[in-house]
Amino acid sequence: MHYLYILYSSNVDKFYIGESPDVFVRQNLHNNHHFKNAHAKIADDWEIQLIFKCEQRGDAIYLEKFIKRIKILTKFSTSLGFVC
């Protein structure tokens, strides 16, 4: 079993999207800055906003990339004046 998760930090008002076989362990690692080069190192108050169960890791990775793509497209089209 694998999971897609979305974390939120109120300190920096940012979301983080990731995948893991154990979301609670991964959240703890993010909050303790275990991943030195990760985007999540900007905060230490990450809270779980969403957990989505996937049968396989590949499914979780696909969803993670899909959500990140949508997020980027939304920011880009908003900056051009389009309403999404």
Protein backbone atom coordinates (compact mmCIF):
# COMPACT_ATOMS: atom_id res chain seq x y z
CA MET A 1 0.00 0.00 0.00
CA HIS A 2 1.20 3.50 -0.83
CA TYR A 3 -0.22 6.96 -0.17
CA LEU A 4 -0.39 10.35 -1.78
CA TYR A 5 -0.37 13.09 0.85
CA ILE A 6 -0.70 16.85 1.04
CA LEU A 7 0.85 18.75 3.93
CA TYR A 8 0.24 22.37 4.88
CA SER A 9 2.44 24.77 6.84
CA SER A 10 0.69 27.76 8.39
CA ASN A 11 4.06 29.37 9.18
CA VAL A 12 4.93 29.77 5.50
CA ASP A 13 1.39 29.37 4.08
CA LYS A 14 2.49 26.64 1.65
CA PHE A 15 1.36 23.18 0.62
CA TYR A 16 3.63 20.19 0.03
CA ILE A 17 2.57 17.22 -2.10
CA GLY A 18 4.29 13.87 -1.78
CA GLU A 19 3.97 10.09 -1.70
CA SER A 20 5.05 7.53 0.87
CA PRO A 21 4.24 4.09 2.28
CA ASP A 22 3.92 5.72 5.75
CA VAL A 23 2.59 9.28 5.76
CA PHE A 24 2.96 9.85 9.52
CA VAL A 25 6.62 8.86 9.52
CA ARG A 26 7.20 11.03 6.45
CA GLN A 27 5.47 14.00 8.10
CA ASN A 28 7.74 13.62 11.12
CA LEU A 29 10.82 13.46 8.87
CA HIS A 30 9.74 16.67 7.09
CA ASN A 31 9.10 18.49 10.37
CA ASN A 32 12.56 17.46 11.65
CA HIS A 33 14.31 18.57 8.42
CA HIS A 34 15.53 15.07 7.59
CA PHE A 35 15.49 15.84 3.85
CA LYS A 36 18.06 18.62 3.50
CA ASN A 37 17.36 19.42 -0.17
CA ALA A 38 13.57 19.06 -0.08
CA HIS A 39 11.10 21.90 -0.57
CA ALA A 40 9.61 20.92 2.80
CA LYS A 41 12.70 22.11 4.69
CA ILE A 42 11.26 25.65 4.71
CA ALA A 43 8.97 24.81 7.64
CA ASP A 44 8.71 22.61 10.70
CA ASP A 45 4.96 22.78 11.32
CA TRP A 46 3.68 20.58 8.47
CA GLU A 47 0.16 19.27 9.11
CA ILE A 48 -1.54 16.55 7.09
CA GLN A 49 -4.38 17.93 4.97
CA LEU A 50 -5.09 14.91 2.78
CA ILE A 51 -4.17 11.23 2.60
CA PHE A 52 -5.19 9.22 -0.46
CA LYS A 53 -4.62 5.48 -0.46
CA CYS A 54 -3.19 3.91 -3.63
CA GLU A 55 -2.73 0.23 -4.41
CA GLN A 56 0.73 0.72 -5.93
CA ARG A 57 3.54 3.25 -5.59
CA GLY A 58 3.28 4.05 -9.30
CA ASP A 59 -0.31 5.17 -8.83
CA ALA A 60 0.70 7.53 -6.00
CA ILE A 61 3.56 8.96 -8.08
CA TYR A 62 1.22 9.48 -11.05
CA LEU A 63 -1.28 11.37 -8.87
CA GLU A 64 1.50 13.42 -7.24
CA LYS A 65 2.83 14.53 -10.64
CA PHE A 66 -0.69 15.21 -11.92
CA ILE A 67 -1.54 17.47 -8.97
CA LYS A 68 1.79 19.31 -9.25
CA ARG A 69 1.18 19.85 -12.99
CA ILE A 70 -2.29 21.25 -12.33
CA LYS A 71 -0.88 23.50 -9.59
CA ILE A 72 1.76 24.90 -11.98
CA LEU A 73 -0.75 25.39 -14.81
CA THR A 74 -3.14 27.19 -12.45
CA LYS A 75 -0.38 29.57 -11.27
CA PHE A 76 0.74 30.20 -14.87
CA SER A 77 -2.74 30.89 -16.24
CA THR A 78 -3.58 33.11 -13.24
CA SER A 79 -0.43 35.16 -13.86
CA LEU A 80 -1.59 35.66 -17.46
CA GLY A 81 -4.98 36.88 -16.27
CA PHE A 82 -6.99 33.75 -16.96
CA VAL A 83 -9.50 32.59 -14.37
CA CYS A 84 -9.39 28.87 -13.54
